[in-house]
Amino acid sequence: MKKRVLTVDDSRTIRNMLLATLNNAGFETIQAEDGVEGLEKLDTANPDVIVTDINMPRLDGFGFIEGVRKNDRYRAVPILVLTTESDAEKKNRARQAGATGWIVKPFDPTKLIDAIERVTA
């Protein structure tokens, strides 16, 4: 059975790159444009792993991660942050919110897939 990945990013370019990378690697990909849409799609997506940006309109990645972690059903779902940010303070804030890992954009497709395989093993 294919693993399901929920991606949350406001950049159409990044969403397209994620879709191509994940689908080519055999994942089922569900996409959202920001944290609000990500939370709305959570139950129908029922993801095995989540990949989210930090800087987004309406609800940023921190708020999105906190929202996911408030739901018992998704408390243990791995969340990888994919962002241009590499600031230690933001990494700590994401970890405290409940993020599992951190990948800096632009991402290497192979490293992203390796990271997803690792956290869903």
N, C-alpha and C. Protein backbone atom coordinates (compact mmCIF):
# COMPACT_ATOMS: atom_id res chain seq x y z
N MET A 1 0.83 -1.20 0.00
CA MET A 1 0.00 0.00 0.00
C MET A 1 0.87 1.26 0.00
N LYS A 2 0.50 2.22 -0.82
CA LYS A 2 1.27 3.46 -0.92
C LYS A 2 1.18 4.26 0.37
N LYS A 3 2.32 4.83 0.77
CA LYS A 3 2.30 5.75 1.91
C LYS A 3 1.76 7.08 1.44
N ARG A 4 0.96 7.72 2.31
CA ARG A 4 0.32 9.00 1.97
C ARG A 4 1.08 10.16 2.58
N VAL A 5 1.36 11.16 1.75
CA VAL A 5 2.09 12.35 2.20
C VAL A 5 1.21 13.58 1.99
N LEU A 6 1.00 14.33 3.06
CA LEU A 6 0.31 15.62 2.96
C LEU A 6 1.38 16.70 2.87
N THR A 7 1.37 17.47 1.77
CA THR A 7 2.32 18.57 1.63
C THR A 7 1.58 19.89 1.80
N VAL A 8 2.21 20.81 2.53
CA VAL A 8 1.59 22.12 2.80
C VAL A 8 2.61 23.20 2.44
N ASP A 9 2.35 23.92 1.34
CA ASP A 9 3.27 24.95 0.88
C ASP A 9 2.51 25.94 0.01
N ASP A 10 2.75 27.24 0.21
CA ASP A 10 2.03 28.25 -0.57
C ASP A 10 2.64 28.49 -1.94
N SER A 11 3.81 27.95 -2.22
CA SER A 11 4.46 28.13 -3.52
C SER A 11 4.02 27.06 -4.51
N ARG A 12 3.39 27.48 -5.60
CA ARG A 12 2.95 26.52 -6.62
C ARG A 12 4.14 25.74 -7.16
N THR A 13 5.27 26.42 -7.38
CA THR A 13 6.47 25.76 -7.90
C THR A 13 6.93 24.63 -6.99
N ILE A 14 6.99 24.91 -5.69
CA ILE A 14 7.41 23.89 -4.73
C ILE A 14 6.38 22.76 -4.69
N ARG A 15 5.09 23.11 -4.70
CA ARG A 15 4.05 22.05 -4.69
C ARG A 15 4.21 21.13 -5.90
N ASN A 16 4.47 21.72 -7.07
CA ASN A 16 4.67 20.91 -8.28
C ASN A 16 5.90 20.02 -8.17
N MET A 17 6.99 20.58 -7.62
CA MET A 17 8.22 19.79 -7.45
C MET A 17 7.99 18.65 -6.46
N LEU A 18 7.28 18.95 -5.37
CA LEU A 18 6.99 17.92 -4.37
C LEU A 18 6.11 16.82 -4.98
N LEU A 19 5.08 17.23 -5.72
CA LEU A 19 4.17 16.27 -6.33
C LEU A 19 4.93 15.32 -7.25
N ALA A 20 5.77 15.88 -8.13
CA ALA A 20 6.55 15.06 -9.06
C ALA A 20 7.51 14.13 -8.32
N THR A 21 8.24 14.69 -7.34
CA THR A 21 9.22 13.90 -6.58
C THR A 21 8.55 12.76 -5.82
N LEU A 22 7.47 13.07 -5.12
CA LEU A 22 6.80 12.06 -4.28
C LEU A 22 6.08 11.01 -5.12
N ASN A 23 5.36 11.45 -6.15
CA ASN A 23 4.66 10.49 -7.01
C ASN A 23 5.63 9.56 -7.72
N ASN A 24 6.76 10.11 -8.20
CA ASN A 24 7.78 9.29 -8.86
C ASN A 24 8.38 8.26 -7.91
N ALA A 25 8.40 8.59 -6.63
CA ALA A 25 8.95 7.66 -5.63
C ALA A 25 7.88 6.68 -5.11
N GLY A 26 6.66 6.79 -5.65
CA GLY A 26 5.62 5.84 -5.29
C GLY A 26 4.74 6.22 -4.12
N PHE A 27 4.76 7.50 -3.73
CA PHE A 27 3.90 7.96 -2.64
C PHE A 27 2.58 8.50 -3.20
N GLU A 28 1.54 8.46 -2.39
CA GLU A 28 0.30 9.14 -2.73
C GLU A 28 0.41 10.52 -2.10
N THR A 29 0.18 11.57 -2.90
CA THR A 29 0.41 12.94 -2.44
C THR A 29 -0.88 13.74 -2.38
N ILE A 30 -1.14 14.35 -1.22
CA ILE A 30 -2.28 15.24 -1.04
C ILE A 30 -1.68 16.62 -0.77
N GLN A 31 -2.17 17.65 -1.44
CA GLN A 31 -1.55 18.97 -1.31
C GLN A 31 -2.48 20.02 -0.73
N ALA A 32 -1.89 20.94 0.04
CA ALA A 32 -2.60 22.09 0.59
C ALA A 32 -1.73 23.32 0.38
N GLU A 33 -2.40 24.49 0.25
CA GLU A 33 -1.68 25.73 -0.05
C GLU A 33 -1.24 26.52 1.18
N ASP A 34 -1.81 26.23 2.34
CA ASP A 34 -1.40 26.91 3.58
C ASP A 34 -1.86 26.08 4.77
N GLY A 35 -1.53 26.56 5.96
CA GLY A 35 -1.85 25.81 7.17
C GLY A 35 -3.33 25.58 7.39
N VAL A 36 -4.15 26.57 7.02
CA VAL A 36 -5.61 26.43 7.19
C VAL A 36 -6.12 25.28 6.32
N GLU A 37 -5.72 25.29 5.04
CA GLU A 37 -6.15 24.22 4.13
C GLU A 37 -5.56 22.88 4.55
N GLY A 38 -4.33 22.91 5.07
CA GLY A 38 -3.68 21.69 5.55
C GLY A 38 -4.49 21.03 6.66
N LEU A 39 -4.96 21.84 7.62
CA LEU A 39 -5.76 21.31 8.73
C LEU A 39 -7.12 20.81 8.21
N GLU A 40 -7.68 21.54 7.22
CA GLU A 40 -8.97 21.12 6.64
C GLU A 40 -8.85 19.77 5.94
N LYS A 41 -7.70 19.52 5.30
CA LYS A 41 -7.52 18.29 4.53
C LYS A 41 -6.99 17.12 5.37
N LEU A 42 -6.65 17.37 6.61
CA LEU A 42 -6.01 16.37 7.45
C LEU A 42 -6.80 15.06 7.54
N ASP A 43 -8.08 15.15 7.86
CA ASP A 43 -8.88 13.94 8.05
C ASP A 43 -9.09 13.15 6.77
N THR A 44 -9.32 13.83 5.65
CA THR A 44 -9.49 13.09 4.40
C THR A 44 -8.15 12.55 3.90
N ALA A 45 -7.07 13.29 4.16
CA ALA A 45 -5.74 12.85 3.73
C ALA A 45 -5.25 11.66 4.55
N ASN A 46 -5.52 11.67 5.85
CA ASN A 46 -5.05 10.63 6.78
C ASN A 46 -3.59 10.26 6.47
N PRO A 47 -2.67 11.24 6.55
CA PRO A 47 -1.30 11.03 6.07
C PRO A 47 -0.44 10.14 6.96
N ASP A 48 0.55 9.50 6.31
CA ASP A 48 1.58 8.74 7.04
C ASP A 48 2.71 9.68 7.43
N VAL A 49 2.84 10.77 6.69
CA VAL A 49 3.87 11.78 6.95
C VAL A 49 3.39 13.11 6.38
N ILE A 50 3.83 14.20 7.00
CA ILE A 50 3.46 15.55 6.55
C ILE A 50 4.74 16.31 6.24
N VAL A 51 4.72 17.05 5.12
CA VAL A 51 5.83 17.93 4.76
C VAL A 51 5.25 19.34 4.69
N THR A 52 5.76 20.26 5.52
CA THR A 52 5.19 21.61 5.56
C THR A 52 6.24 22.71 5.49
N ASP A 53 5.84 23.81 4.87
CA ASP A 53 6.63 25.03 4.84
C ASP A 53 6.39 25.77 6.17
N ILE A 54 7.18 26.78 6.47
CA ILE A 54 6.96 27.61 7.66
C ILE A 54 6.26 28.92 7.27
N ASN A 55 6.81 29.64 6.31
CA ASN A 55 6.27 30.95 5.94
C ASN A 55 5.13 30.82 4.94
N MET A 56 3.89 30.94 5.44
CA MET A 56 2.70 30.83 4.59
C MET A 56 1.65 31.82 5.08
N PRO A 57 0.76 32.26 4.16
CA PRO A 57 -0.33 33.16 4.59
C PRO A 57 -1.37 32.41 5.42
N ARG A 58 -2.27 33.15 6.04
CA ARG A 58 -3.39 32.64 6.84
C ARG A 58 -2.95 31.88 8.10
N LEU A 59 -2.21 30.78 7.94
CA LEU A 59 -1.71 30.03 9.10
C LEU A 59 -0.33 29.51 8.74
N ASP A 60 0.68 29.93 9.47
CA ASP A 60 2.05 29.51 9.15
C ASP A 60 2.32 28.08 9.60
N GLY A 61 3.51 27.61 9.27
CA GLY A 61 3.88 26.24 9.60
C GLY A 61 3.86 25.93 11.09
N PHE A 62 4.26 26.88 11.92
CA PHE A 62 4.25 26.66 13.37
C PHE A 62 2.82 26.39 13.85
N GLY A 63 1.90 27.26 13.42
CA GLY A 63 0.49 27.11 13.81
C GLY A 63 -0.10 25.82 13.27
N PHE A 64 0.28 25.48 12.04
CA PHE A 64 -0.19 24.24 11.42
C PHE A 64 0.29 23.02 12.22
N ILE A 65 1.58 23.00 12.55
CA ILE A 65 2.15 21.86 13.30
C ILE A 65 1.44 21.73 14.65
N GLU A 66 1.25 22.86 15.33
CA GLU A 66 0.55 22.83 16.63
C GLU A 66 -0.87 22.29 16.46
N GLY A 67 -1.54 22.70 15.39
CA GLY A 67 -2.90 22.23 15.11
C GLY A 67 -2.94 20.73 14.88
N VAL A 68 -1.96 20.21 14.16
CA VAL A 68 -1.89 18.77 13.90
C VAL A 68 -1.66 18.02 15.21
N ARG A 69 -0.73 18.52 16.02
CA ARG A 69 -0.37 17.84 17.26
C ARG A 69 -1.48 17.88 18.32
N LYS A 70 -2.43 18.81 18.20
CA LYS A 70 -3.56 18.87 19.14
C LYS A 70 -4.54 17.73 18.89
N ASN A 71 -4.48 17.14 17.70
CA ASN A 71 -5.39 16.06 17.32
C ASN A 71 -4.74 14.73 17.68
N ASP A 72 -5.34 13.99 18.63
CA ASP A 72 -4.77 12.72 19.11
C ASP A 72 -4.42 11.76 17.98
N ARG A 73 -5.27 11.77 16.95
CA ARG A 73 -5.10 10.84 15.84
C ARG A 73 -3.78 11.08 15.10
N TYR A 74 -3.28 12.31 15.14
CA TYR A 74 -2.08 12.65 14.37
C TYR A 74 -0.88 13.02 15.24
N ARG A 75 -0.99 12.73 16.52
CA ARG A 75 0.07 13.11 17.45
C ARG A 75 1.41 12.47 17.09
N ALA A 76 1.36 11.25 16.52
CA ALA A 76 2.60 10.52 16.22
C ALA A 76 3.01 10.58 14.74
N VAL A 77 2.23 11.27 13.91
CA VAL A 77 2.57 11.35 12.49
C VAL A 77 3.82 12.22 12.32
N PRO A 78 4.85 11.71 11.63
CA PRO A 78 6.07 12.51 11.45
C PRO A 78 5.77 13.77 10.62
N ILE A 79 6.36 14.89 11.03
CA ILE A 79 6.21 16.15 10.30
C ILE A 79 7.60 16.67 9.94
N LEU A 80 7.85 16.78 8.63
CA LEU A 80 9.11 17.33 8.15
C LEU A 80 8.87 18.77 7.70
N VAL A 81 9.70 19.68 8.18
CA VAL A 81 9.61 21.09 7.79
C VAL A 81 10.52 21.29 6.58
N LEU A 82 9.94 21.83 5.50
CA LEU A 82 10.69 22.12 4.27
C LEU A 82 10.64 23.63 4.07
N THR A 83 11.76 24.31 4.26
CA THR A 83 11.73 25.77 4.29
C THR A 83 13.04 26.39 3.84
N THR A 84 13.00 27.66 3.48
CA THR A 84 14.23 28.39 3.16
C THR A 84 14.93 28.84 4.44
N GLU A 85 14.22 28.76 5.56
CA GLU A 85 14.78 29.19 6.85
C GLU A 85 15.82 28.18 7.34
N SER A 86 16.92 28.68 7.89
CA SER A 86 17.89 27.76 8.49
C SER A 86 18.30 28.25 9.88
N ASP A 87 17.53 29.22 10.38
CA ASP A 87 17.77 29.87 11.66
C ASP A 87 17.53 28.88 12.83
N ALA A 88 18.51 28.77 13.73
CA ALA A 88 18.43 27.82 14.85
C ALA A 88 17.21 28.07 15.74
N GLU A 89 16.87 29.34 15.95
CA GLU A 89 15.74 29.69 16.80
C GLU A 89 14.43 29.16 16.19
N LYS A 90 14.30 29.30 14.85
CA LYS A 90 13.10 28.80 14.17
C LYS A 90 13.05 27.27 14.20
N LYS A 91 14.22 26.63 14.07
CA LYS A 91 14.28 25.17 14.15
C LYS A 91 13.79 24.70 15.52
N ASN A 92 14.26 25.37 16.57
CA ASN A 92 13.84 25.03 17.93
C ASN A 92 12.35 25.23 18.11
N ARG A 93 11.83 26.33 17.58
CA ARG A 93 10.41 26.63 17.69
C ARG A 93 9.58 25.54 16.98
N ALA A 94 10.05 25.11 15.81
CA ALA A 94 9.35 24.04 15.07
C ALA A 94 9.40 22.73 15.85
N ARG A 95 10.55 22.43 16.44
CA ARG A 95 10.69 21.21 17.25
C ARG A 95 9.73 21.24 18.44
N GLN A 96 9.68 22.40 19.11
CA GLN A 96 8.79 22.54 20.27
C GLN A 96 7.33 22.40 19.85
N ALA A 97 6.99 22.86 18.64
CA ALA A 97 5.62 22.73 18.15
C ALA A 97 5.29 21.27 17.82
N GLY A 98 6.34 20.48 17.53
CA GLY A 98 6.12 19.05 17.26
C GLY A 98 6.70 18.54 15.96
N ALA A 99 7.58 19.33 15.31
CA ALA A 99 8.20 18.88 14.06
C ALA A 99 9.18 17.75 14.33
N THR A 100 9.29 16.85 13.37
CA THR A 100 10.18 15.68 13.48
C THR A 100 11.54 15.99 12.88
N GLY A 101 11.55 16.73 11.75
CA GLY A 101 12.80 17.01 11.05
C GLY A 101 12.72 18.30 10.26
N TRP A 102 13.84 18.70 9.66
CA TRP A 102 13.99 20.00 9.02
C TRP A 102 14.79 19.84 7.74
N ILE A 103 14.24 20.27 6.62
CA ILE A 103 14.95 20.19 5.33
C ILE A 103 14.94 21.60 4.72
N VAL A 104 16.13 22.06 4.30
CA VAL A 104 16.23 23.42 3.76
C VAL A 104 16.02 23.41 2.24
N LYS A 105 15.21 24.38 1.76
CA LYS A 105 15.01 24.58 0.32
C LYS A 105 16.21 25.33 -0.23
N PRO A 106 16.56 25.15 -1.48
CA PRO A 106 15.97 24.18 -2.41
C PRO A 106 16.33 22.75 -1.99
N PHE A 107 15.36 21.85 -2.11
CA PHE A 107 15.61 20.50 -1.60
C PHE A 107 16.16 19.58 -2.68
N ASP A 108 16.94 18.61 -2.23
CA ASP A 108 17.46 17.55 -3.08
C ASP A 108 16.42 16.43 -3.04
N PRO A 109 15.79 16.09 -4.17
CA PRO A 109 14.73 15.07 -4.17
C PRO A 109 15.12 13.76 -3.49
N THR A 110 16.35 13.31 -3.73
CA THR A 110 16.80 12.05 -3.13
C THR A 110 16.86 12.15 -1.61
N LYS A 111 17.38 13.28 -1.11
CA LYS A 111 17.47 13.47 0.35
C LYS A 111 16.08 13.57 0.97
N LEU A 112 15.15 14.23 0.27
CA LEU A 112 13.79 14.34 0.78
C LEU A 112 13.16 12.95 0.90
N ILE A 113 13.26 12.15 -0.16
CA ILE A 113 12.69 10.79 -0.14
C ILE A 113 13.36 9.96 0.95
N ASP A 114 14.68 10.06 1.08
CA ASP A 114 15.40 9.33 2.14
C ASP A 114 14.86 9.72 3.51
N ALA A 115 14.64 11.03 3.74
CA ALA A 115 14.14 11.51 5.02
C ALA A 115 12.73 10.97 5.28
N ILE A 116 11.87 10.98 4.25
CA ILE A 116 10.50 10.46 4.41
C ILE A 116 10.54 8.96 4.70
N GLU A 117 11.37 8.23 3.98
CA GLU A 117 11.51 6.77 4.21
C GLU A 117 11.97 6.51 5.65
N ARG A 118 12.90 7.33 6.11
CA ARG A 118 13.47 7.16 7.45
C ARG A 118 12.40 7.37 8.53
N VAL A 119 11.61 8.45 8.41
CA VAL A 119 10.64 8.76 9.48
C VAL A 119 9.39 7.90 9.41
N THR A 120 9.16 7.21 8.28
CA THR A 120 7.98 6.36 8.17
C THR A 120 8.32 4.87 8.28
N ALA A 121 9.59 4.56 8.51
CA ALA A 121 10.02 3.15 8.58
C ALA A 121 9.42 2.43 9.77
